[in-house]
Protein backbone atom coordinates (compact mmCIF):
# COMPACT_ATOMS: atom_id res chain seq x y z
CA UNK A 1 7.68 33.65 20.83
CA UNK A 2 4.23 33.57 22.36
CA UNK A 3 4.68 31.18 25.31
CA UNK A 4 0.93 30.87 25.86
CA UNK A 5 0.52 29.43 22.35
CA UNK A 6 3.35 26.98 23.00
CA UNK A 7 1.95 26.03 26.39
CA UNK A 8 -1.36 24.94 24.97
CA UNK A 9 0.03 23.27 21.85
CA UNK A 10 0.66 19.88 23.46
CA UNK A 11 -2.75 19.66 25.19
CA UNK A 12 -4.41 20.84 22.00
CA UNK A 13 -2.57 18.19 20.00
CA UNK A 14 -3.66 15.52 22.47
CA UNK A 15 -7.26 16.72 22.38
CA UNK A 16 -7.19 16.78 18.57
CA UNK A 17 -5.83 13.22 18.45
CA UNK A 18 -8.47 12.03 20.91
CA UNK A 19 -11.24 13.71 18.92
CA UNK A 20 -9.94 12.15 15.69
CA UNK A 21 -9.81 8.74 17.38
CA UNK A 22 -13.39 9.12 18.60
CA UNK A 23 -14.70 10.22 15.20
CA UNK A 24 -12.77 7.48 13.43
CA UNK A 25 -13.98 4.81 15.84
CA UNK A 26 -17.58 5.92 15.43
CA UNK A 27 -17.12 5.89 11.65
CA UNK A 28 -15.77 2.35 11.65
CA UNK A 29 -18.42 1.21 14.14
CA UNK A 30 -21.22 2.69 12.03
CA UNK A 31 -19.83 1.10 8.86
CA UNK A 32 -19.36 -2.31 10.51
CA UNK A 33 -22.91 -2.32 11.88
CA UNK A 34 -24.41 -1.35 8.52
CA UNK A 35 -22.29 -3.87 6.62
CA UNK A 36 -23.42 -6.44 9.18
CA UNK A 37 -26.98 -5.54 8.24
CA UNK A 38 -25.96 -5.87 4.60
CA UNK A 39 -25.24 -9.59 4.88
CA UNK A 40 -28.80 -10.79 5.65
CA UNK A 41 -30.23 -8.10 3.36
CA UNK A 42 -28.02 -9.22 0.48
CA UNK A 43 -29.02 -12.84 1.05
CA UNK A 44 -32.66 -11.77 0.74
CA UNK A 45 -32.01 -9.60 -2.34
CA UNK A 46 -30.16 -12.36 -4.17
CA UNK A 47 -33.35 -14.39 -4.12
CA UNK A 48 -34.85 -11.80 -6.49
CA UNK A 49 -31.83 -10.23 -8.29
CA UNK A 50 -28.64 -11.79 -9.61
CA UNK A 51 -25.40 -10.43 -8.06
CA UNK A 52 -24.36 -8.60 -11.24
CA UNK A 53 -27.68 -6.75 -11.58
CA UNK A 54 -28.29 -5.83 -7.94
CA UNK A 55 -25.04 -3.84 -7.63
CA UNK A 56 -25.87 -1.23 -10.33
CA UNK A 57 -29.37 -0.85 -8.85
CA UNK A 58 -27.94 -0.16 -5.41
CA UNK A 59 -25.41 2.30 -6.76
CA UNK A 60 -28.04 4.25 -8.69
CA UNK A 61 -29.96 4.82 -5.45
CA UNK A 62 -26.76 5.56 -3.51
CA UNK A 63 -25.64 8.09 -6.13
CA UNK A 64 -28.95 9.95 -6.00
CA UNK A 65 -28.84 10.09 -2.20
CA UNK A 66 -25.20 11.19 -1.90
CA UNK A 67 -25.58 13.73 -4.70
CA UNK A 68 -28.64 15.23 -3.02
CA UNK A 69 -26.87 15.43 0.34
CA UNK A 70 -23.84 17.08 -1.23
CA UNK A 71 -25.97 19.50 -3.24
CA UNK A 72 -27.95 20.64 -0.20
CA UNK A 73 -24.99 20.84 2.18
CA UNK A 74 -22.30 22.32 -0.07
CA UNK A 75 -23.83 23.55 -3.34
CA UNK A 76 -23.69 22.41 -6.99
CA UNK A 77 -19.99 23.25 -7.40
CA UNK A 78 -19.13 20.33 -5.10
CA UNK A 79 -20.64 17.86 -7.58
CA UNK A 80 -17.68 18.47 -9.91
CA UNK A 81 -14.47 16.56 -9.37
CA UNK A 82 -11.53 18.51 -7.89
CA UNK A 83 -9.09 15.87 -9.18
CA UNK A 84 -8.34 14.49 -12.64
CA UNK A 85 -11.13 12.36 -14.05
CA UNK A 86 -8.76 9.49 -14.71
CA UNK A 87 -8.13 9.29 -10.99
CA UNK A 88 -11.85 9.18 -10.30
CA UNK A 89 -12.10 6.39 -12.89
CA UNK A 90 -9.35 4.38 -11.17
CA UNK A 91 -10.94 4.83 -7.74
CA UNK A 92 -14.33 3.85 -9.14
CA UNK A 93 -12.83 0.80 -10.84
CA UNK A 94 -11.45 -0.32 -7.47
CA UNK A 95 -14.94 -0.04 -5.97
CA UNK A 96 -16.60 -1.89 -8.84
CA UNK A 97 -13.79 -4.43 -8.91
CA UNK A 98 -14.35 -5.24 -5.26
CA UNK A 99 -18.06 -5.87 -5.82
CA UNK A 100 -17.58 -8.03 -8.90
CA UNK A 101 -14.57 -10.00 -7.64
CA UNK A 102 -16.17 -10.69 -4.28
CA UNK A 103 -19.54 -11.69 -5.73
CA UNK A 104 -18.05 -13.96 -8.39
CA UNK A 105 -15.68 -15.44 -5.81
CA UNK A 106 -18.60 -16.11 -3.50
CA UNK A 107 -20.47 -17.73 -6.39
CA UNK A 108 -17.64 -20.23 -6.95
CA UNK A 109 -16.66 -20.78 -3.31
CA UNK A 110 -18.28 -22.33 -0.26
CA UNK A 111 -19.60 -19.61 2.12
CA UNK A 112 -17.64 -21.09 5.03
CA UNK A 113 -14.43 -20.82 3.01
CA UNK A 114 -15.24 -17.20 2.16
CA UNK A 115 -15.81 -16.46 5.84
CA UNK A 116 -12.44 -17.96 6.69
CA UNK A 117 -10.70 -16.01 3.93
CA UNK A 118 -12.38 -12.77 5.00
CA UNK A 119 -10.99 -13.28 8.51
CA UNK A 120 -7.57 -12.59 7.02
CA UNK A 121 -8.57 -9.02 6.11
CA UNK A 122 -6.07 -7.41 8.54
CA UNK A 123 -3.21 -9.27 6.85
CA UNK A 124 -4.35 -8.42 3.30
CA UNK A 125 -4.80 -4.79 4.33
CA UNK A 126 -1.34 -4.69 5.89
CA UNK A 127 0.31 -6.12 2.76
CA UNK A 128 -1.51 -3.76 0.37
CA UNK A 129 -0.83 -0.78 2.64
CA UNK A 130 2.86 -1.66 2.83
CA UNK A 131 3.13 -2.01 -0.96
CA UNK A 132 1.24 1.20 -1.70
CA UNK A 133 2.51 3.52 1.02
CA UNK A 134 5.58 1.88 2.51
CA UNK A 135 4.13 2.67 5.93
CA UNK A 136 5.21 0.78 9.02
CA UNK A 137 2.75 -1.35 10.90
CA UNK A 138 1.23 0.40 13.87
CA UNK A 139 2.16 -0.59 17.39
CA UNK A 140 0.03 -3.50 18.54
CA UNK A 141 -1.05 -4.46 15.02
CA UNK A 142 0.13 -8.06 15.08
CA UNK A 143 -1.23 -8.71 18.56
CA UNK A 144 -4.60 -7.35 17.49
CA UNK A 145 -4.43 -9.35 14.25
CA UNK A 146 -3.79 -12.59 16.13
CA UNK A 147 -6.81 -11.94 18.35
CA UNK A 148 -9.09 -11.14 15.40
CA UNK A 149 -7.93 -14.22 13.50
CA UNK A 150 -8.51 -16.44 16.53
CA UNK A 151 -11.95 -14.95 17.13
CA UNK A 152 -12.95 -15.25 13.50
CA UNK A 153 -11.65 -18.81 13.41
CA UNK A 154 -13.74 -19.78 16.45
CA UNK A 155 -16.88 -18.32 14.89
CA UNK A 156 -16.30 -19.84 11.44
CA UNK A 157 -15.37 -23.33 12.62
CA UNK A 158 -18.34 -23.38 15.00
CA UNK A 159 -20.66 -22.51 12.15
CA UNK A 160 -19.03 -25.07 9.86
CA UNK A 161 -19.46 -27.83 12.43
CA UNK A 162 -23.10 -26.93 13.01
CA UNK A 163 -23.98 -26.90 9.31
CA UNK A 164 -21.76 -29.74 8.23
CA UNK A 165 -19.79 -27.39 5.98
CA UNK A 166 -16.21 -28.06 5.05
CA UNK A 167 -13.24 -26.02 3.92
CA UNK A 168 -12.09 -26.92 0.42
CA UNK A 169 -10.90 -24.96 -2.57
CA UNK A 170 -13.38 -24.41 -5.40
CA UNK A 171 -11.66 -21.83 -7.61
CA UNK A 172 -13.09 -18.55 -6.34
CA UNK A 173 -10.90 -18.07 -3.28
CA UNK A 174 -8.32 -15.91 -5.02
CA UNK A 175 -11.10 -13.65 -6.33
CA UNK A 176 -12.36 -13.03 -2.79
CA UNK A 177 -8.88 -12.04 -1.63
CA UNK A 178 -8.37 -9.83 -4.70
CA UNK A 179 -11.71 -8.17 -4.00
CA UNK A 180 -10.65 -7.25 -0.47
CA UNK A 181 -7.34 -5.95 -1.82
CA UNK A 182 -9.22 -3.86 -4.40
CA UNK A 183 -11.32 -2.24 -1.67
CA UNK A 184 -8.19 -1.57 0.37
CA UNK A 185 -6.55 0.14 -2.61
CA UNK A 186 -9.64 2.33 -3.01
CA UNK A 187 -9.61 3.24 0.68
CA UNK A 188 -5.97 4.33 0.52
CA UNK A 189 -6.19 6.24 -2.76
CA UNK A 190 -9.42 8.02 -1.74
CA UNK A 191 -7.44 9.66 1.06
CA UNK A 192 -4.25 10.22 -0.94
CA UNK A 193 -5.58 11.69 -4.19
CA UNK A 194 -8.01 14.23 -2.76
CA UNK A 195 -6.91 17.36 -0.92
CA UNK A 196 -7.17 16.96 2.87
CA UNK A 197 -9.94 19.56 2.98
CA UNK A 198 -12.18 17.54 0.62
CA UNK A 199 -15.18 16.25 2.61
CA UNK A 200 -15.58 12.48 2.78
CA UNK A 201 -19.11 12.89 1.45
CA UNK A 202 -17.75 14.45 -1.74
CA UNK A 203 -15.13 11.74 -2.20
CA UNK A 204 -17.72 9.03 -1.71
CA UNK A 205 -20.21 10.61 -4.11
CA UNK A 206 -17.67 10.97 -6.92
CA UNK A 207 -16.45 7.39 -6.64
CA UNK A 208 -20.00 6.06 -6.28
CA UNK A 209 -21.28 7.73 -9.43
CA UNK A 210 -18.04 6.77 -11.17
CA UNK A 211 -18.55 3.10 -10.28
CA UNK A 212 -21.87 2.95 -12.12
CA UNK A 213 -20.45 2.73 -15.70
CA UNK A 214 -18.02 0.03 -14.57
CA UNK A 215 -20.79 -1.98 -12.88
CA UNK A 216 -23.03 -1.72 -15.92
CA UNK A 217 -20.15 -2.82 -18.14
CA UNK A 218 -19.45 -5.82 -15.91
CA UNK A 219 -23.15 -6.71 -15.92
CA UNK A 220 -23.26 -6.51 -19.72
CA UNK A 221 -20.23 -8.80 -19.97
CA UNK A 222 -21.79 -11.24 -17.49
CA UNK A 223 -25.03 -11.19 -19.46
CA UNK A 224 -23.22 -11.78 -22.74
CA UNK A 225 -21.22 -14.69 -21.35
CA UNK A 226 -24.17 -16.32 -19.61
CA UNK A 227 -23.05 -15.64 -16.01
CA UNK A 228 -26.13 -13.47 -15.49
CA UNK A 229 -29.68 -14.07 -16.65
CA UNK A 230 -32.26 -11.50 -17.73
CA UNK A 231 -32.58 -8.60 -15.25
CA UNK A 232 -35.56 -8.52 -12.92
CA UNK A 233 -37.38 -5.38 -14.04
CA UNK A 234 -40.64 -6.05 -12.16
CA UNK A 235 -39.70 -6.94 -8.59
CA UNK A 236 -42.30 -7.23 -5.83
CA UNK A 237 -42.71 -4.58 -3.13
CA UNK A 238 -40.63 -6.26 -0.40
CA UNK A 239 -37.48 -6.67 -2.52
CA UNK A 240 -37.76 -3.03 -3.59
CA UNK A 241 -37.93 -1.91 0.05
CA UNK A 242 -34.97 -4.14 0.93
CA UNK A 243 -33.05 -2.74 -2.04
CA UNK A 244 -33.69 0.85 -0.92
CA UNK A 245 -32.60 0.11 2.66
CA UNK A 246 -29.46 -1.65 1.46
CA UNK A 247 -28.59 1.13 -0.99
CA UNK A 248 -29.20 4.03 1.41
CA UNK A 249 -27.65 2.61 4.56
CA UNK A 250 -25.33 -0.25 3.59
CA UNK A 251 -23.93 1.30 0.40
CA UNK A 252 -24.10 5.10 0.64
CA UNK A 253 -23.92 6.01 4.34
CA UNK A 254 -21.71 3.07 5.31
CA UNK A 255 -19.08 4.05 2.71
CA UNK A 256 -19.02 7.65 3.95
CA UNK A 257 -18.56 6.34 7.50
CA UNK A 258 -15.82 3.94 6.36
CA UNK A 259 -13.90 6.69 4.55
CA UNK A 260 -14.18 8.85 7.68
CA UNK A 261 -12.67 6.02 9.72
CA UNK A 262 -9.82 5.57 7.26
CA UNK A 263 -9.14 9.30 7.31
CA UNK A 264 -8.99 9.50 11.11
CA UNK A 265 -7.49 6.15 12.13
CA UNK A 266 -5.83 4.69 9.03
CA UNK A 267 -6.52 1.64 6.91
CA UNK A 268 -4.76 -0.84 9.23
CA UNK A 269 -7.35 -0.24 11.94
CA UNK A 270 -10.03 -0.61 9.28
CA UNK A 271 -8.77 -4.09 8.45
CA UNK A 272 -9.44 -5.13 12.05
CA UNK A 273 -12.90 -3.55 12.05
CA UNK A 274 -13.81 -5.56 8.95
CA UNK A 275 -13.76 -8.66 11.13
CA UNK A 276 -16.54 -7.13 13.23
CA UNK A 277 -18.92 -7.21 10.25
CA UNK A 278 -19.93 -10.89 10.64
CA UNK A 279 -20.29 -10.35 14.38
CA UNK A 280 -22.84 -7.61 13.84
CA UNK A 281 -24.46 -9.70 11.12
CA UNK A 282 -25.11 -12.45 13.68
CA UNK A 283 -26.58 -10.01 16.20
CA UNK A 284 -28.78 -8.31 13.61
CA UNK A 285 -29.95 -11.67 12.28
CA UNK A 286 -30.89 -12.61 15.84
CA UNK A 287 -32.77 -9.39 16.55
CA UNK A 288 -34.58 -8.88 13.24
CA UNK A 289 -34.48 -12.15 11.32
CA UNK A 290 -35.02 -14.67 14.10
CA UNK A 291 -31.72 -16.50 13.48
CA UNK A 292 -30.25 -17.97 16.66
CA UNK A 293 -26.48 -17.45 16.97
CA UNK A 294 -24.13 -20.23 18.01
CA UNK A 295 -22.10 -20.01 21.20
CA UNK A 296 -18.91 -20.11 19.08
CA UNK A 297 -20.09 -17.10 17.10
CA UNK A 298 -20.68 -15.07 20.26
CA UNK A 299 -17.35 -16.12 21.79
CA UNK A 300 -15.50 -15.50 18.54
CA UNK A 301 -17.13 -12.10 18.18
CA UNK A 302 -16.01 -11.13 21.68
CA UNK A 303 -12.42 -12.14 20.87
CA UNK A 304 -12.50 -10.14 17.61
CA UNK A 305 -13.78 -7.10 19.49
CA UNK A 306 -10.99 -7.56 22.04
CA UNK A 307 -8.47 -7.44 19.21
CA UNK A 308 -9.93 -4.19 17.86
CA UNK A 309 -9.99 -2.61 21.33
CA UNK A 310 -6.43 -3.79 21.97
CA UNK A 311 -5.13 -1.85 18.97
CA UNK A 312 -7.16 1.20 19.97
CA UNK A 313 -5.61 0.99 23.44
CA UNK A 314 -2.11 0.77 21.97
CA UNK A 315 -2.86 3.82 19.80
CA UNK A 316 -4.00 5.78 22.87
CA UNK A 317 -0.84 4.76 24.77
CA UNK A 318 1.32 5.98 21.90
CA UNK A 319 -0.52 9.32 21.77
CA UNK A 320 -0.08 9.82 25.52
CA UNK A 321 3.60 8.91 25.31
CA UNK A 322 4.18 11.44 22.54
CA UNK A 323 2.37 14.13 24.52
CA UNK A 324 4.43 13.35 27.62
CA UNK A 325 7.65 13.51 25.60
CA UNK A 326 6.85 16.99 24.30
CA UNK A 327 9.28 19.42 25.96
CA UNK A 328 7.77 22.10 28.17
CA UNK A 329 7.55 25.65 26.82
CA UNK A 330 10.58 27.86 27.15
CA UNK A 331 9.87 30.77 29.52
């Protein structure tokens, strides 16, 4: 046995875990910031496009961008799917299902109620993850979940009191929860069904282009049933610019970053990071849209961030404990 290889194995494993944690955290942070930007951008876009029509437009742009990036970085062979096409179709249906379920749920539900429901993301993610993988909850998960729920509750109730909003059921609440569950299923399967060596860019591209037929089908059904009006085929310049920004950053790059976070840190951590999205939305609205945040939103955001950092700290403690428990090399 080569004792030098054994001697460096534990430090190398610790360094690898720390590097994965850093990359995963940056991925989740990047995705949360961009999805925070997506909230005010989507509000602006929905003044010019209906929710069923804007999603296919965004995914056309995102597909072109991701395909170009993959073509330049890895070659044309990477544009073909390395897994069965039915699996790509299922993954893509999960993506499209999230968009449609969430948008329709938002249409039939008060925004304050949706915000409150979204605060339960860590719980929905934990349940779906348990059902799909049978995995145990990570150390510190429930403590972090309690903090994120408290923080989100402070922010949501403060906003409701300021606007005179109220929490009451309107029929779309279950669709919002199902939408979050659909996205969670996609996040898990995108890591399970592809080989570990498959780049996250390739996974994201294949499921993005695969979501387009589903989104167009859902739009056609909405159009036929009267849920959607005629598509806006002659938008003004500003909505087009906003659409491009949302598609490039909030759809394409954010999803790559999210999948990177799931790959490095797991979906349970991602559920906690989802509660940072409205926090960043408030900050971005303040900086670029002139919207003044409430004190409750700032306090709630700080508590949510504390919950995320708490779980990261517990993960680091576990990694250090495992490294310390590794027996020394045999001379």
